[in-house]
């Protein structure tokens, strides 16, 4: 898909590819329309080393 030059500076939702006027509107859109997606992925985040990782002090 080719976008016109007028839309290149506007933020775009990476889930549904809808364009917005500013970042606040994009953030509101993602927190309302894609709320289940973000809740699922924040629960899946594990902050621990993977097996075989080497820590250098």
Protein backbone atom coordinates (compact mmCIF):
# COMPACT_ATOMS: atom_id res chain seq x y z
CA UNK A 1 0.00 0.00 0.00
CA UNK A 2 1.30 3.46 -0.86
CA UNK A 3 0.43 6.36 1.43
CA UNK A 4 0.22 9.94 0.23
CA UNK A 5 2.87 12.35 1.52
CA UNK A 6 0.33 14.21 3.66
CA UNK A 7 -0.05 11.21 6.02
CA UNK A 8 3.62 10.43 6.60
CA UNK A 9 3.95 12.63 9.68
CA UNK A 10 0.80 11.32 11.43
CA UNK A 11 1.00 8.46 13.96
CA UNK A 12 -0.51 5.17 12.89
CA UNK A 13 -1.86 2.22 14.87
CA UNK A 14 0.31 -0.81 14.17
CA UNK A 15 -2.57 -3.21 14.86
CA UNK A 16 -5.31 -1.84 12.58
CA UNK A 17 -3.21 0.68 10.52
CA UNK A 18 -5.58 3.56 11.19
CA UNK A 19 -4.01 7.06 11.12
CA UNK A 20 -4.50 9.72 13.83
CA UNK A 21 -3.89 13.44 14.20
CA UNK A 22 -1.63 13.18 17.28
CA UNK A 23 -0.16 10.69 19.76
CA UNK A 24 -2.83 11.33 22.40
CA UNK A 25 -5.60 10.21 20.04
CA UNK A 26 -3.56 7.15 19.06
CA UNK A 27 -3.00 6.27 22.72
CA UNK A 28 -6.72 6.67 23.51
CA UNK A 29 -7.60 4.49 20.50
CA UNK A 30 -5.24 1.72 21.57
CA UNK A 31 -6.46 1.82 25.18
CA UNK A 32 -10.12 1.53 24.16
CA UNK A 33 -10.36 -0.45 20.91
CA UNK A 34 -7.36 -2.77 21.42
CA UNK A 35 -7.58 -2.99 25.21
CA UNK A 36 -7.71 -6.81 25.27
CA UNK A 37 -4.59 -7.07 23.10
CA UNK A 38 -2.52 -4.84 25.37
CA UNK A 39 -3.77 -6.48 28.58
CA UNK A 40 -2.88 -9.94 27.27
CA UNK A 41 0.63 -8.91 26.24
CA UNK A 42 1.46 -7.01 29.44
CA UNK A 43 0.58 -10.14 31.43
CA UNK A 44 2.89 -12.24 29.24
CA UNK A 45 5.99 -10.11 29.90
CA UNK A 46 8.53 -11.99 31.99
CA UNK A 47 11.59 -10.05 33.16
CA UNK A 48 14.04 -12.86 33.79
CA UNK A 49 17.10 -14.10 31.94
CA UNK A 50 16.56 -16.72 29.27
CA UNK A 51 18.21 -20.12 29.74
CA UNK A 52 21.86 -19.91 28.70
CA UNK A 53 22.19 -16.13 29.15
CA UNK A 54 25.49 -15.03 30.64
CA UNK A 55 25.57 -12.07 33.01
CA UNK A 56 28.75 -9.96 33.01
CA UNK A 57 29.50 -7.96 36.13
